Protein backbone atom coordinates (compact mmCIF):
# COMPACT_ATOMS: atom_id res chain seq x y z
CA UNK A 1 -63.90 -80.17 -59.39
CA UNK A 2 -62.20 -81.35 -62.44
CA UNK A 3 -59.06 -83.36 -63.18
CA UNK A 4 -56.49 -83.32 -60.18
CA UNK A 5 -53.65 -85.40 -61.55
CA UNK A 6 -51.66 -86.01 -64.76
CA UNK A 7 -50.17 -89.41 -65.51
CA UNK A 8 -48.01 -90.39 -62.47
CA UNK A 9 -48.28 -86.86 -61.01
CA UNK A 10 -50.84 -87.05 -58.32
CA UNK A 11 -50.47 -84.47 -55.57
CA UNK A 12 -52.71 -84.52 -52.37
CA UNK A 13 -54.49 -81.27 -51.50
CA UNK A 14 -52.18 -78.36 -50.95
CA UNK A 15 -49.27 -80.04 -52.73
CA UNK A 16 -47.21 -79.73 -55.92
CA UNK A 17 -45.76 -82.52 -57.91
CA UNK A 18 -43.27 -82.14 -60.91
CA UNK A 19 -41.62 -84.64 -63.10
CA UNK A 20 -41.13 -86.06 -66.53
CA UNK A 21 -44.34 -87.57 -67.92
CA UNK A 22 -43.74 -90.32 -70.47
CA UNK A 23 -46.10 -90.62 -73.62
CA UNK A 24 -46.64 -94.43 -74.14
CA UNK A 25 -46.26 -96.00 -77.55
CA UNK A 26 -43.90 -93.35 -79.04
CA UNK A 27 -40.44 -94.29 -80.14
CA UNK A 28 -37.89 -92.98 -79.19
CA UNK A 29 -39.10 -92.48 -75.65
CA UNK A 30 -40.99 -89.13 -75.29
CA UNK A 31 -41.00 -87.32 -72.06
CA UNK A 32 -42.29 -83.97 -71.13
CA UNK A 33 -41.59 -81.76 -68.08
CA UNK A 34 -44.85 -81.39 -66.35
CA UNK A 35 -46.22 -79.75 -63.04
CA UNK A 36 -49.45 -80.38 -61.11
CA UNK A 37 -50.20 -77.88 -58.49
CA UNK A 38 -53.28 -78.89 -56.38
CA UNK A 39 -54.88 -76.28 -54.17
CA UNK A 40 -56.22 -76.83 -50.65
CA UNK A 41 -59.69 -75.85 -51.83
CA UNK A 42 -61.74 -77.38 -54.57
CA UNK A 43 -62.08 -75.43 -57.83
CA UNK A 44 -61.69 -75.70 -61.64
CA UNK A 45 -58.81 -77.35 -63.29
CA UNK A 46 -56.80 -75.18 -65.74
CA UNK A 47 -54.57 -77.02 -68.24
CA UNK A 48 -51.59 -75.03 -69.73
CA UNK A 49 -49.16 -76.15 -72.41
CA UNK A 50 -45.93 -74.65 -73.69
CA UNK A 51 -43.50 -75.53 -76.22
CA UNK A 52 -45.83 -77.04 -78.92
CA UNK A 53 -43.21 -75.22 -81.09
CA UNK A 54 -39.86 -75.94 -79.48
CA UNK A 55 -38.19 -72.63 -80.23
CA UNK A 56 -40.89 -70.38 -78.84
CA UNK A 57 -38.85 -69.62 -75.81
CA UNK A 58 -40.95 -66.68 -74.29
CA UNK A 59 -44.06 -68.87 -73.82
CA UNK A 60 -42.01 -71.77 -72.45
CA UNK A 61 -40.49 -69.68 -69.81
CA UNK A 62 -43.92 -68.06 -68.91
CA UNK A 63 -45.51 -71.35 -68.45
CA UNK A 64 -42.61 -72.56 -66.32
CA UNK A 65 -42.76 -69.37 -64.11
CA UNK A 66 -46.63 -69.92 -63.85
CA UNK A 67 -46.03 -73.39 -62.49
CA UNK A 68 -43.64 -72.14 -59.84
CA UNK A 69 -45.93 -69.09 -58.99
CA UNK A 70 -49.14 -70.94 -58.22
CA UNK A 71 -49.31 -71.47 -54.37
CA UNK A 72 -51.00 -74.73 -53.41
CA UNK A 73 -51.76 -73.26 -50.04
CA UNK A 74 -54.08 -70.62 -51.47
CA UNK A 75 -54.98 -72.09 -54.90
CA UNK A 76 -58.67 -72.97 -55.49
CA UNK A 77 -58.64 -75.89 -57.86
CA UNK A 78 -55.84 -77.51 -59.82
CA UNK A 79 -53.21 -76.03 -62.31
CA UNK A 80 -51.65 -78.66 -64.67
CA UNK A 81 -48.77 -77.27 -66.75
CA UNK A 82 -46.76 -79.10 -69.44
CA UNK A 83 -43.89 -76.84 -69.75
CA UNK A 84 -42.48 -78.28 -73.17
CA UNK A 85 -44.43 -80.60 -75.32
CA UNK A 86 -41.97 -80.77 -78.21
CA UNK A 87 -39.00 -82.05 -76.23
CA UNK A 88 -37.22 -83.67 -79.22
CA UNK A 89 -37.12 -80.29 -80.88
CA UNK A 90 -36.26 -78.29 -77.75
CA UNK A 91 -32.43 -78.68 -77.54
CA UNK A 92 -32.15 -78.95 -81.40
CA UNK A 93 -33.66 -75.44 -81.74
CA UNK A 94 -36.22 -76.85 -84.27
CA UNK A 95 -38.76 -74.30 -85.62
CA UNK A 96 -42.42 -75.19 -86.55
CA UNK A 97 -42.38 -78.96 -86.46
CA UNK A 98 -41.64 -82.09 -84.42
CA UNK A 99 -38.24 -83.39 -85.81
CA UNK A 100 -39.27 -87.04 -85.31
CA UNK A 101 -41.93 -86.94 -87.97
CA UNK A 102 -41.73 -83.61 -89.51
CA UNK A 103 -45.39 -82.61 -88.41
CA UNK A 104 -46.69 -79.37 -86.77
CA UNK A 105 -48.37 -79.93 -83.46
CA UNK A 106 -50.24 -76.86 -84.20
CA UNK A 107 -52.26 -78.76 -86.74
CA UNK A 108 -52.35 -82.26 -85.30
CA UNK A 109 -55.27 -82.07 -82.97
CA UNK A 110 -57.24 -84.00 -81.73
CA UNK A 111 -54.57 -86.61 -82.59
CA UNK A 112 -54.61 -90.40 -83.31
CA UNK A 113 -53.54 -93.27 -81.01
CA UNK A 114 -52.38 -95.12 -84.02
CA UNK A 115 -50.85 -92.25 -85.93
CA UNK A 116 -47.32 -90.70 -86.14
CA UNK A 117 -45.42 -89.50 -83.12
CA UNK A 118 -47.01 -86.05 -83.06
CA UNK A 119 -50.52 -87.48 -83.51
CA UNK A 120 -49.96 -89.96 -80.73
CA UNK A 121 -48.61 -87.22 -78.43
CA UNK A 122 -51.62 -85.15 -79.05
CA UNK A 123 -53.99 -88.01 -78.54
CA UNK A 124 -52.38 -88.55 -75.22
CA UNK A 125 -52.65 -84.85 -74.20
CA UNK A 126 -56.40 -84.95 -75.17
CA UNK A 127 -57.29 -88.10 -73.36
CA UNK A 128 -54.97 -88.00 -70.35
CA UNK A 129 -54.63 -84.30 -69.78
CA UNK A 130 -57.45 -82.12 -71.29
CA UNK A 131 -60.35 -84.47 -70.99
CA UNK A 132 -61.70 -83.60 -67.44
CA UNK A 133 -60.21 -80.11 -67.49
CA UNK A 134 -62.29 -76.99 -67.17
CA UNK A 135 -60.25 -74.62 -69.33
CA UNK A 136 -57.23 -74.80 -71.55
CA UNK A 137 -54.37 -72.27 -72.43
CA UNK A 138 -51.93 -73.06 -75.22
CA UNK A 139 -49.10 -70.56 -74.80
CA UNK A 140 -47.26 -69.51 -77.91
CA UNK A 141 -45.11 -66.68 -79.46
CA UNK A 142 -43.32 -65.96 -82.69
CA UNK A 143 -40.98 -68.71 -83.73
CA UNK A 144 -37.38 -68.04 -84.65
CA UNK A 145 -38.17 -66.33 -87.91
CA UNK A 146 -41.55 -64.75 -86.77
CA UNK A 147 -42.20 -61.27 -85.60
CA UNK A 148 -45.62 -60.47 -84.23
CA UNK A 149 -47.69 -58.24 -82.11
CA UNK A 150 -49.28 -59.85 -78.81
CA UNK A 151 -52.70 -61.13 -79.41
CA UNK A 152 -55.06 -64.08 -78.20
CA UNK A 153 -56.95 -66.43 -80.28
CA UNK A 154 -60.44 -67.93 -79.24
CA UNK A 155 -62.63 -70.37 -81.15
CA UNK A 156 -66.19 -70.18 -82.30
CA UNK A 157 -67.63 -73.59 -82.12
CA UNK A 158 -71.10 -75.11 -82.03
CA UNK A 159 -71.46 -74.84 -78.31
CA UNK A 160 -72.35 -71.17 -77.78
CA UNK A 161 -71.39 -71.44 -73.98
CA UNK A 162 -68.00 -72.87 -74.81
CA UNK A 163 -67.42 -70.05 -77.30
CA UNK A 164 -68.47 -67.40 -74.90
CA UNK A 165 -66.35 -68.67 -72.03
CA UNK A 166 -63.30 -68.95 -74.46
CA UNK A 167 -63.80 -65.36 -75.47
CA UNK A 168 -64.14 -64.22 -71.87
CA UNK A 169 -60.68 -65.91 -71.20
CA UNK A 170 -59.23 -64.34 -74.23
CA UNK A 171 -60.36 -60.93 -73.04
CA UNK A 172 -59.22 -61.63 -69.49
CA UNK A 173 -55.63 -62.40 -70.75
CA UNK A 174 -55.18 -58.77 -71.14
CA UNK A 175 -53.29 -58.48 -74.37
CA UNK A 176 -54.10 -55.52 -76.81
CA UNK A 177 -55.80 -57.66 -79.50
CA UNK A 178 -58.04 -60.76 -79.66
CA UNK A 179 -59.34 -62.69 -82.53
CA UNK A 180 -62.18 -65.14 -82.83
CA UNK A 181 -61.76 -68.06 -85.38
CA UNK A 182 -64.39 -70.32 -86.77
CA UNK A 183 -63.59 -74.02 -86.32
CA UNK A 184 -63.99 -74.81 -90.04
CA UNK A 185 -61.34 -72.26 -90.79
CA UNK A 186 -58.67 -73.67 -88.37
CA UNK A 187 -59.04 -77.55 -88.37
CA UNK A 188 -56.51 -79.25 -86.31
CA UNK A 189 -55.53 -76.36 -84.19
CA UNK A 190 -55.32 -76.85 -80.50
CA UNK A 191 -57.71 -74.23 -79.18
CA UNK A 192 -60.36 -75.00 -81.80
CA UNK A 193 -60.34 -78.80 -81.39
CA UNK A 194 -60.23 -78.54 -77.51
CA UNK A 195 -63.24 -76.21 -77.47
CA UNK A 196 -65.00 -78.61 -79.91
CA UNK A 197 -64.49 -81.22 -77.34
CA UNK A 198 -66.34 -79.11 -74.80
CA UNK A 199 -63.45 -77.39 -72.95
CA UNK A 200 -63.13 -73.53 -73.26
CA UNK A 201 -59.68 -72.81 -74.75
CA UNK A 202 -57.53 -70.09 -75.95
CA UNK A 203 -54.03 -69.35 -77.54
CA UNK A 204 -51.89 -66.61 -76.21
CA UNK A 205 -49.32 -65.16 -78.48
CA UNK A 206 -46.52 -62.81 -77.18
CA UNK A 207 -42.95 -62.64 -77.97
CA UNK A 208 -40.95 -63.29 -81.11
CA UNK A 209 -37.81 -64.39 -83.10
CA UNK A 210 -36.32 -66.93 -80.61
CA UNK A 211 -35.61 -64.25 -78.08
CA UNK A 212 -36.42 -64.81 -74.48
CA UNK A 213 -37.42 -61.32 -73.94
CA UNK A 214 -38.43 -60.41 -70.20
CA UNK A 215 -41.11 -58.00 -71.35
CA UNK A 216 -43.06 -60.56 -73.32
CA UNK A 217 -42.45 -63.22 -70.64
CA UNK A 218 -44.16 -60.98 -68.02
CA UNK A 219 -47.06 -60.21 -70.52
CA UNK A 220 -47.64 -63.94 -70.95
CA UNK A 221 -47.29 -64.66 -67.08
CA UNK A 222 -49.73 -61.87 -66.25
CA UNK A 223 -52.12 -63.02 -68.94
CA UNK A 224 -52.20 -66.62 -67.49
CA UNK A 225 -52.57 -65.29 -63.95
CA UNK A 226 -55.61 -63.03 -65.12
CA UNK A 227 -57.27 -66.20 -66.51
CA UNK A 228 -56.78 -68.06 -63.32
CA UNK A 229 -58.36 -65.13 -61.49
CA UNK A 230 -61.23 -65.09 -63.98
CA UNK A 231 -61.77 -68.76 -63.19
CA UNK A 232 -61.94 -68.06 -59.49
CA UNK A 233 -58.68 -69.95 -58.82
CA UNK A 234 -56.69 -67.09 -57.46
CA UNK A 235 -57.18 -63.49 -56.31
CA UNK A 236 -56.47 -60.83 -59.09
CA UNK A 237 -52.83 -59.86 -59.38
CA UNK A 238 -53.58 -56.31 -60.30
CA UNK A 239 -56.18 -54.03 -61.93
CA UNK A 240 -58.44 -55.55 -64.60
CA UNK A 241 -57.12 -55.40 -68.04
CA UNK A 242 -58.43 -52.91 -70.60
CA UNK A 243 -60.76 -54.35 -73.27
CA UNK A 244 -58.73 -55.60 -76.36
CA UNK A 245 -59.31 -54.53 -79.87
CA UNK A 246 -61.48 -57.31 -81.52
CA UNK A 247 -60.05 -58.36 -84.78
CA UNK A 248 -62.49 -60.09 -87.08
CA UNK A 249 -60.23 -62.24 -89.22
CA UNK A 250 -56.63 -62.93 -90.45
CA UNK A 251 -55.72 -62.14 -94.04
CA UNK A 252 -52.48 -63.78 -95.46
CA UNK A 253 -49.93 -63.14 -98.14
CA UNK A 254 -47.91 -66.21 -99.08
CA UNK A 255 -45.02 -66.94 -101.46
CA UNK A 256 -46.00 -68.88 -104.51
CA UNK A 257 -42.24 -69.99 -105.22
CA UNK A 258 -39.26 -70.24 -103.15
CA UNK A 259 -37.01 -67.03 -102.99
CA UNK A 260 -35.73 -64.32 -100.61
CA UNK A 261 -38.34 -62.16 -98.91
CA UNK A 262 -37.99 -58.30 -98.53
CA UNK A 263 -40.89 -56.76 -96.46
CA UNK A 264 -41.61 -53.18 -96.75
CA UNK A 265 -43.80 -53.11 -93.60
CA UNK A 266 -43.31 -54.21 -89.97
CA UNK A 267 -45.58 -55.70 -87.28
CA UNK A 268 -48.04 -53.13 -85.88
CA UNK A 269 -48.18 -51.17 -89.21
CA UNK A 270 -51.73 -50.24 -90.40
CA UNK A 271 -52.13 -50.98 -93.95
CA UNK A 272 -54.67 -50.67 -96.77
CA UNK A 273 -56.00 -53.16 -99.31
CA UNK A 274 -53.61 -53.06 -102.23
CA UNK A 275 -50.75 -51.43 -100.35
CA UNK A 276 -47.38 -52.77 -101.33
CA UNK A 277 -46.05 -55.01 -98.33
CA UNK A 278 -42.90 -56.56 -99.89
CA UNK A 279 -41.08 -58.33 -102.60
CA UNK A 280 -39.94 -61.84 -103.32
CA UNK A 281 -36.57 -62.04 -105.12
CA UNK A 282 -34.69 -64.90 -106.88
CA UNK A 283 -31.35 -65.90 -105.63
CA UNK A 284 -29.69 -63.19 -107.92
CA UNK A 285 -31.80 -60.40 -106.54
CA UNK A 286 -34.30 -60.16 -109.33
CA UNK A 287 -37.88 -59.35 -108.32
CA UNK A 288 -40.23 -62.24 -109.05
CA UNK A 289 -43.21 -61.16 -106.99
CA UNK A 290 -44.39 -57.87 -105.68
CA UNK A 291 -46.96 -58.43 -102.70
CA UNK A 292 -49.77 -56.25 -101.62
CA UNK A 293 -51.95 -56.32 -98.67
CA UNK A 294 -55.24 -58.33 -99.26
CA UNK A 295 -57.25 -56.15 -96.75
CA UNK A 296 -57.38 -53.07 -94.61
CA UNK A 297 -56.07 -53.83 -91.16
CA UNK A 298 -52.93 -54.25 -89.07
CA UNK A 299 -49.83 -56.39 -89.63
CA UNK A 300 -49.87 -58.74 -86.76
CA UNK A 301 -47.63 -61.40 -88.09
CA UNK A 302 -44.44 -61.12 -90.24
CA UNK A 303 -41.75 -63.63 -91.42
CA UNK A 304 -38.34 -62.17 -90.82
CA UNK A 305 -36.22 -64.72 -92.63
CA UNK A 306 -34.60 -63.98 -95.83
CA UNK A 307 -35.19 -67.53 -97.26
CA UNK A 308 -38.80 -68.57 -97.69
CA UNK A 309 -40.18 -71.82 -99.19
CA UNK A 310 -43.02 -71.99 -101.77
CA UNK A 311 -46.36 -71.62 -100.29
CA UNK A 312 -45.09 -70.21 -96.92
CA UNK A 313 -46.86 -67.46 -95.05
CA UNK A 314 -45.30 -64.08 -95.20
CA UNK A 315 -47.54 -61.55 -93.56
CA UNK A 316 -50.79 -61.98 -91.50
CA UNK A 317 -53.14 -58.88 -91.56
CA UNK A 318 -55.55 -58.53 -88.68
CA UNK A 319 -58.74 -57.41 -90.21
CA UNK A 320 -61.14 -54.96 -88.48
CA UNK A 321 -64.24 -55.63 -90.38
CA UNK A 322 -65.88 -59.16 -90.47
CA UNK A 323 -67.31 -58.58 -93.99
CA UNK A 324 -63.83 -57.73 -95.26
CA UNK A 325 -62.33 -60.61 -93.36
CA UNK A 326 -64.54 -63.02 -95.45
CA UNK A 327 -63.42 -61.22 -98.61
CA UNK A 328 -59.75 -61.44 -97.51
CA UNK A 329 -59.93 -65.25 -96.87
CA UNK A 330 -60.94 -65.70 -100.50
CA UNK A 331 -57.57 -63.99 -101.34
CA UNK A 332 -55.58 -66.12 -99.05
CA UNK A 333 -52.60 -66.51 -101.34
CA UNK A 334 -49.71 -64.59 -102.80
CA UNK A 335 -51.72 -61.32 -103.25
CA UNK A 336 -49.32 -60.49 -106.09
CA UNK A 337 -49.61 -56.89 -107.61
CA UNK A 338 -47.24 -57.76 -110.47
CA UNK A 339 -44.85 -60.52 -111.52
CA UNK A 340 -41.63 -60.19 -113.49
CA UNK A 341 -39.50 -62.82 -114.99
């Protein structure tokens, strides 16, 4: 039996408790809507977070529904759900970052009790929520300017058992694609740092562009239910999911200067190394960069905003072959075929 409470939310067996949890030492006051569902029977503790990125509405809605779906009368173990981590950004429709300090929660793990607001919140989550848990899901989707195909991320860390259990959770989630990432390549990311602390962890990605699409909400909800069944907390909701495509890495194209972005591919497209993927224009419509795919694979992530900043990610290519994934990481940059003045 793992953790059975979170901050002041301490249900008895067979009970549910919900409320706003306050993070100490953060100004202005930081509160997060949270739910603890404790089953009648002992079992593992699953922690789920939504809203690390405040405008990722599909994942927020799916975590909220999971917290209401879990039945304490039949649950084995404890579900602890933080519905929205980035509350300061939620009603402001802030993308990517915490508006209090301008930092991305996605790169702030494992946190710092003496750091900025984001680092203090993450430290609180690590020490008061994730420590003592048996598994962790960080639910995400494409932000307001991001299109993506559904996939799960799982970490490769020094503890082989933690890596294997993370992979099994990613497979159980039931999305069409999954991708294992080495800790050294994703420092500061929630799932990687949590797994490094000894707790199996994954990220689920489904939904896009700030639209609370019911289809993707259901994909996320079913995925989290599948993981609960895998952990032995609930009975399976339906048939076992099909095995996902195992991607071997992500290769990125990025803008080297600010401009307007005009992609020539879309998410789900299969591309080959050197294939044109889009152009970067200046504000007068002149082409300043022509981008090409750095690897063979599938477009799993695509920025859909016209305006892009220098250094920003544009396209993420899911790479099928691990050797090519290593080659592609060396090309992580603009991947420019030609540049004009």
